[in-house]
Protein backbone atom coordinates (compact mmCIF):
# COMPACT_ATOMS: atom_id res chain seq x y z
CA MET A 1 9.73 1.12 -17.47
CA LYS A 2 8.75 -2.88 -18.86
CA PRO A 3 6.26 -4.66 -18.03
CA LEU A 4 6.99 -7.64 -16.17
CA LEU A 5 5.31 -10.14 -18.26
CA LYS A 6 3.95 -10.56 -21.72
CA TRP A 7 1.17 -10.49 -21.99
CA VAL A 8 -1.79 -11.16 -24.77
CA GLY A 9 -3.00 -7.96 -25.91
CA GLY A 10 0.14 -6.14 -23.75
CA LYS A 11 -0.52 -2.23 -24.17
CA ARG A 12 3.12 -1.61 -25.32
CA GLN A 13 2.87 -1.19 -28.94
CA LEU A 14 -0.54 1.34 -28.56
CA LEU A 15 1.11 3.63 -25.47
CA PRO A 16 1.41 6.95 -27.60
CA GLN A 17 -2.08 6.81 -28.46
CA LEU A 18 -2.51 6.45 -25.49
CA ARG A 19 -0.74 8.75 -23.82
CA ARG A 20 -2.41 11.17 -26.05
CA PHE A 21 -5.74 10.72 -24.45
CA TYR A 22 -4.09 10.71 -20.32
CA PRO A 23 -5.66 13.50 -18.01
CA GLN A 24 -3.67 16.25 -17.20
CA THR A 25 -4.05 16.37 -12.88
CA PHE A 26 -6.04 13.51 -11.68
CA ASP A 27 -6.90 11.83 -8.83
CA ARG A 28 -6.37 8.38 -8.21
CA TYR A 29 -5.18 5.58 -10.77
CA ILE A 30 -7.45 2.55 -11.31
CA GLU A 31 -7.04 -0.27 -13.52
CA PRO A 32 -9.34 -2.81 -14.14
CA PHE A 33 -7.91 -5.22 -16.20
CA PHE A 34 -3.89 -5.07 -14.76
CA GLY A 35 -2.44 -7.57 -16.84
CA SER A 36 1.24 -7.13 -17.59
CA GLY A 37 0.37 -3.42 -16.36
CA ALA A 38 1.73 -1.16 -19.49
CA VAL A 39 0.06 1.40 -19.15
CA PHE A 40 0.69 1.72 -15.23
CA PHE A 41 4.18 0.72 -15.65
CA ASP A 42 4.32 3.58 -18.33
CA LEU A 43 2.71 5.91 -16.11
CA PHE A 44 4.73 4.95 -12.89
CA SER A 45 8.31 5.48 -14.62
CA ALA A 46 7.05 9.60 -15.64
CA GLY A 47 7.04 10.46 -12.48
CA ARG A 48 2.87 10.65 -13.35
CA LEU A 49 1.54 8.73 -10.42
CA ASP A 50 3.76 10.52 -7.60
CA GLY A 51 1.72 11.16 -5.16
CA HIS A 52 -1.38 9.04 -6.55
CA ASP A 53 -3.36 6.54 -4.81
CA VAL A 54 -3.12 3.62 -7.34
CA VAL A 55 -5.76 0.52 -7.49
CA LEU A 56 -4.65 -2.11 -9.51
CA ILE A 57 -7.10 -4.83 -10.28
CA ASP A 58 -7.35 -8.10 -11.78
CA SER A 59 -9.67 -10.98 -11.79
CA ASN A 60 -5.96 -13.61 -12.96
CA ALA A 61 -5.88 -15.37 -9.50
CA ASP A 62 -2.73 -16.63 -11.24
CA LEU A 63 -1.04 -12.71 -12.25
CA ILE A 64 -2.38 -11.23 -9.11
CA GLY A 65 -0.61 -13.59 -6.69
CA CYS A 66 2.39 -13.94 -9.11
CA TYR A 67 2.57 -9.36 -8.49
CA GLU A 68 1.98 -9.48 -4.73
CA ALA A 69 5.37 -12.32 -4.53
CA VAL A 70 7.77 -10.51 -6.38
CA ARG A 71 6.47 -7.33 -4.53
CA ASP A 72 7.25 -9.10 -1.40
CA ASP A 73 10.18 -11.23 -1.89
CA ALA A 74 11.67 -10.13 -5.22
CA ALA A 75 15.59 -11.45 -3.89
CA ALA A 76 13.73 -15.15 -3.48
CA VAL A 77 12.06 -14.52 -7.33
CA ALA A 78 15.53 -13.37 -8.35
CA ALA A 79 17.21 -16.96 -6.88
CA ALA A 80 15.15 -19.14 -8.06
CA LEU A 81 14.91 -18.18 -11.79
CA LYS A 82 18.40 -18.25 -11.69
CA ARG A 83 18.22 -22.03 -11.02
CA LEU A 84 15.90 -22.89 -13.57
CA ALA A 85 16.94 -20.74 -16.31
CA ALA A 86 20.30 -22.87 -15.84
CA ALA A 87 18.26 -25.79 -15.77
CA HIS A 88 16.32 -24.75 -19.32
CA ALA A 89 19.62 -23.81 -20.55
CA ALA A 90 20.46 -27.80 -20.58
CA ASP A 91 17.37 -29.20 -22.16
CA GLY A 92 14.73 -26.64 -22.59
CA ARG A 93 11.56 -28.41 -23.85
CA ALA A 94 12.14 -31.44 -21.59
CA HIS A 95 12.50 -28.54 -18.81
CA TYR A 96 9.36 -26.67 -19.14
CA LEU A 97 7.22 -29.39 -19.79
CA ALA A 98 8.01 -31.21 -16.56
CA VAL A 99 7.96 -27.41 -14.99
CA ARG A 100 4.42 -27.12 -15.98
CA ASP A 101 3.37 -30.25 -15.54
CA GLN A 102 5.40 -32.02 -12.55
CA ARG A 103 5.44 -28.63 -10.58
CA PHE A 104 3.85 -26.24 -11.37
CA ASN A 105 0.23 -26.77 -11.93
CA PRO A 106 0.42 -29.20 -8.98
CA LEU A 107 1.59 -26.54 -6.51
CA ARG A 108 -0.72 -23.63 -7.41
CA GLU A 109 -3.70 -26.41 -7.35
CA SER A 110 -2.11 -26.93 -3.14
CA ARG A 111 -2.39 -23.17 -3.23
CA ARG A 112 -5.99 -22.32 -4.32
CA ALA A 113 -7.85 -21.05 -1.76
CA ALA A 114 -11.83 -21.75 -1.44
CA ASP A 115 -13.18 -18.97 -3.42
CA GLY A 116 -10.34 -19.50 -6.10
CA ARG A 117 -7.36 -16.87 -4.77
CA ILE A 118 -3.60 -18.67 -4.91
CA ALA A 119 -1.02 -17.45 -2.13
CA TYR A 120 2.15 -17.74 -4.67
CA THR A 121 5.32 -18.49 -2.67
CA PRO A 122 8.10 -16.47 -4.34
CA GLU A 123 8.70 -20.29 -5.97
CA LEU A 124 6.23 -19.88 -7.36
CA ALA A 125 6.51 -16.97 -8.68
CA ALA A 126 9.49 -17.38 -10.79
CA MET A 127 7.82 -20.93 -12.45
CA LEU A 128 5.53 -18.21 -13.55
CA ILE A 129 7.98 -15.76 -15.37
CA TYR A 130 10.17 -18.80 -16.65
CA LEU A 131 6.37 -20.11 -18.75
CA ASN A 132 5.89 -17.49 -19.67
CA ARG A 133 9.10 -16.31 -20.79
CA THR A 134 9.28 -20.08 -22.87
CA GLY A 135 5.86 -20.33 -23.26
CA PHE A 136 4.21 -20.48 -27.07
CA ASN A 137 3.90 -16.66 -27.71
CA GLY A 138 4.28 -15.83 -23.69
CA LEU A 139 0.58 -16.80 -23.85
CA PHE A 140 -1.61 -17.51 -20.35
CA ARG A 141 -4.45 -20.10 -21.28
CA LEU A 142 -6.39 -22.51 -18.66
CA ASN A 143 -7.43 -25.87 -20.03
CA ALA A 144 -11.14 -26.93 -19.27
CA ARG A 145 -9.79 -28.24 -15.71
CA GLY A 146 -8.21 -24.68 -15.04
CA ALA A 147 -4.41 -25.71 -15.41
CA PHE A 148 -1.98 -24.29 -17.47
CA ASN A 149 -1.66 -25.87 -20.53
CA VAL A 150 0.76 -23.37 -23.13
CA PRO A 151 3.21 -25.70 -25.00
CA PRO A 152 6.30 -24.54 -24.87
CA GLY A 153 8.15 -21.45 -27.62
CA ARG A 154 11.03 -22.20 -29.43
CA TYR A 155 13.36 -19.03 -28.41
CA ASP A 156 16.95 -20.10 -29.19
CA ARG A 157 18.64 -17.58 -25.85
CA PRO A 158 15.29 -16.59 -23.70
CA LYS A 159 16.26 -14.02 -21.23
CA ILE A 160 14.72 -15.18 -17.98
CA LEU A 161 15.48 -13.84 -15.09
CA ASP A 162 16.31 -9.97 -15.88
CA ARG A 163 17.06 -9.40 -12.28
CA GLN A 164 16.79 -5.59 -13.22
CA LYS A 165 13.32 -4.94 -14.43
CA LEU A 166 12.17 -7.54 -11.79
CA GLU A 167 13.38 -5.28 -8.69
CA ALA A 168 12.11 -2.27 -10.27
CA VAL A 169 8.62 -3.79 -11.17
CA ALA A 170 8.93 -5.21 -7.26
CA LEU A 171 10.10 -1.56 -5.89
CA ALA A 172 6.99 0.59 -8.20
CA LEU A 173 4.46 -1.97 -6.42
CA ALA A 174 5.86 -1.82 -3.05
CA SER A 175 5.02 1.52 -3.10
CA PRO A 176 2.50 2.49 0.27
CA ARG A 177 0.13 3.87 -2.41
CA VAL A 178 -0.38 1.42 -5.11
CA GLN A 179 -3.00 -1.38 -3.34
CA LEU A 180 -3.34 -5.09 -5.49
CA VAL A 181 -6.76 -6.71 -5.95
CA TRP A 182 -7.53 -9.55 -6.99
CA GLY A 183 -11.67 -9.57 -8.77
CA GLY A 184 -14.19 -8.37 -11.93
CA PHE A 185 -13.19 -5.30 -14.09
CA GLU A 186 -17.06 -4.32 -11.90
CA CYS A 187 -15.46 -3.55 -8.30
CA SER A 188 -13.74 -0.53 -9.41
CA ARG A 189 -17.12 0.70 -8.77
CA ASP A 190 -16.18 0.39 -5.73
CA PHE A 191 -12.94 2.27 -6.02
CA ALA A 192 -13.44 4.69 -8.38
CA ARG A 193 -15.07 8.65 -7.42
CA ASP A 194 -14.61 12.17 -9.37
CA GLY A 195 -11.85 12.63 -11.13
CA ASP A 196 -10.30 9.24 -10.43
CA PHE A 197 -8.33 8.38 -13.53
CA LEU A 198 -9.42 4.82 -15.31
CA TYR A 199 -7.97 2.53 -17.65
CA PHE A 200 -10.01 -0.91 -19.06
CA ASP A 201 -8.40 -2.60 -21.54
CA PRO A 202 -10.78 -5.86 -21.66
CA PRO A 203 -10.26 -9.09 -23.51
CA TYR A 204 -10.74 -7.56 -26.63
CA ALA A 205 -13.51 -8.52 -28.79
CA PRO A 206 -12.78 -11.06 -32.06
CA LEU A 207 -13.27 -9.03 -35.16
CA THR A 208 -13.88 -12.81 -36.74
CA LYS A 209 -15.26 -15.72 -35.69
CA THR A 210 -12.14 -17.12 -35.63
CA SER A 211 -9.21 -14.61 -34.19
CA ASN A 212 -11.42 -15.43 -31.07
CA PHE A 213 -8.38 -14.77 -27.91
CA THR A 214 -10.20 -14.33 -24.67
CA SER A 215 -9.57 -16.88 -23.06
CA TYR A 216 -7.39 -15.51 -21.09
CA THR A 217 -8.69 -18.06 -18.24
CA ALA A 218 -11.06 -20.97 -17.41
CA ALA A 219 -14.14 -18.39 -18.34
CA ARG A 220 -14.30 -16.27 -21.31
CA PHE A 221 -14.81 -12.45 -21.87
CA ASP A 222 -18.16 -12.67 -24.22
CA ALA A 223 -20.91 -10.33 -25.70
CA ASP A 224 -22.67 -10.21 -22.15
CA ASP A 225 -19.00 -9.14 -19.84
CA HIS A 226 -18.23 -6.41 -23.19
CA ALA A 227 -21.98 -5.39 -22.75
CA ARG A 228 -21.50 -5.14 -18.56
CA LEU A 229 -18.11 -3.89 -18.96
CA GLN A 230 -19.71 -0.03 -21.27
CA ALA A 231 -22.82 -0.18 -18.63
CA VAL A 232 -19.44 0.01 -15.79
CA VAL A 233 -17.96 3.08 -17.78
CA VAL A 234 -21.06 5.22 -18.78
CA ASP A 235 -21.68 4.97 -14.76
CA LEU A 236 -18.23 6.09 -13.95
CA ALA A 237 -17.89 9.24 -16.81
CA LYS A 238 -21.41 9.93 -15.00
CA ARG A 239 -19.80 9.82 -11.93
CA GLY A 240 -17.27 13.04 -12.74
CA CYS A 241 -14.54 9.63 -13.69
CA TYR A 242 -12.27 10.21 -16.54
CA VAL A 243 -12.15 6.77 -17.97
CA LEU A 244 -9.97 5.36 -20.94
CA VAL A 245 -10.83 2.23 -22.49
CA SER A 246 -8.80 0.47 -25.58
CA ASN A 247 -10.74 -2.74 -27.67
CA SER A 248 -11.59 -3.62 -31.26
CA THR A 249 -13.17 -2.25 -34.22
CA ALA A 250 -15.33 -5.58 -33.76
CA ASP A 251 -19.07 -4.04 -34.24
CA GLU A 252 -20.12 -5.18 -31.47
CA ILE A 253 -18.13 -2.49 -29.64
CA GLY A 254 -18.75 0.45 -32.18
CA ALA A 255 -22.33 -0.63 -31.29
CA LEU A 256 -21.70 -0.44 -27.72
CA TYR A 257 -19.84 2.84 -27.92
CA GLU A 258 -19.57 4.51 -31.78
CA ARG A 259 -22.87 4.23 -31.48
CA SER A 260 -24.44 4.27 -28.64
CA ALA A 261 -26.66 6.53 -27.09
CA SER A 262 -26.14 6.44 -23.71
CA ALA A 263 -21.97 6.72 -24.47
CA HIS A 264 -22.44 9.52 -26.09
CA ALA A 265 -24.89 11.23 -23.57
CA ALA A 266 -21.99 9.93 -20.75
CA GLY A 267 -19.66 12.35 -23.10
CA LEU A 268 -17.32 9.11 -24.61
CA HIS A 269 -16.72 9.24 -27.60
CA ALA A 270 -15.05 6.35 -29.54
CA PHE A 271 -11.51 7.20 -31.31
CA ARG A 272 -9.95 4.66 -34.71
CA VAL A 273 -6.02 5.28 -33.74
CA PRO A 274 -3.50 2.68 -35.52
CA ALA A 275 -2.46 0.06 -33.86
CA ARG A 276 -0.56 -3.55 -34.79
CA ARG A 277 -2.06 -6.99 -34.65
CA ALA A 278 0.73 -9.15 -32.59
CA ILE A 279 -0.54 -11.86 -31.95
CA ASN A 280 -2.09 -14.74 -34.86
CA SER A 281 -1.14 -18.53 -35.43
CA LYS A 282 0.23 -17.29 -39.06
CA ALA A 283 2.63 -14.86 -39.00
CA SER A 284 1.26 -13.02 -42.04
CA ALA A 285 -2.08 -12.54 -40.43
CA ARG A 286 0.29 -9.84 -37.99
CA GLY A 287 0.37 -6.85 -39.30
CA ALA A 288 -1.85 -2.95 -39.09
CA VAL A 289 -5.22 -2.38 -37.82
CA GLU A 290 -7.81 -0.08 -36.10
CA GLU A 291 -8.15 -0.25 -32.05
CA PHE A 292 -10.88 1.89 -30.63
CA VAL A 293 -9.45 4.63 -28.49
CA ILE A 294 -12.70 5.06 -25.89
CA THR A 295 -12.43 8.00 -23.69
CA ASN A 296 -14.72 10.71 -21.86
CA ILE A 297 -10.82 12.57 -21.84
CA GLN A 298 -11.14 16.23 -23.98
CA ALA A 299 -9.19 14.30 -27.83
CA PRO A 300 -6.48 15.48 -29.61
CA ALA A 301 -7.56 17.97 -32.53
CA THR A 302 -5.19 15.93 -34.18
CA HIS A 303 -7.84 12.61 -34.42
CA THR A 304 -11.24 12.50 -35.54
CA ASN A 305 -14.37 10.18 -34.62
């Protein structure tokens, strides 16, 4: 089961490594950086979440609003996507810019509550999915004013409406045991207890000053945020939760987990695993890299610390 949205940092390519660390048994499943939800959908499609409560958290109000609309009325979202796809076929670039600037941004702003939550309609969800499918590299990026400003991509035949995928995602999210939460990663402390399994997939720390892809929303995820996240992960590990974290092998992440006395005391181990860099402005800069998988779950014998 594939994610509905393309998302920078999506974990489909890392799933073979992450699966090796899934705990055999656990109580609830909690994902504080839901994003495209690759791990959730992987666990769901394998039946690993049957009989489990699930809490899916993300600080991106658009993302949560879109998933709520898909969950609640997938048929209406599909109908709106069908109309968008037909118009895109006539003049893709012009249609993309018109949808982005004249429809999507004004409508999402009009639906925003005082606390920042956005009450997505099926039409608004369809526009987000359309822009995600046809925009440059599937990015979600906001400018300083909070407006979506990703330029159009160059795709000959983008698959704008995938009805089967849309219905499968709606079915997974509509389970009475699945809860969507708009909030920051720290609210996972309010849900987690001994025996729960949490997967953290934060915006990766950049390996170099020129490779910073942490700005998914108007606010950046910086070194202080990574330090706050480490404190949450350590706390949850001490509670008896099963925790799994993915991140880059940037030196600041190594200092927080690989060379950290508090992380070691909580039973956390940092494993370096092979992965592929999927996003870069230059195709030549994409390719094999190492990433951290950090966990207190018993490591497979084939990995070394």
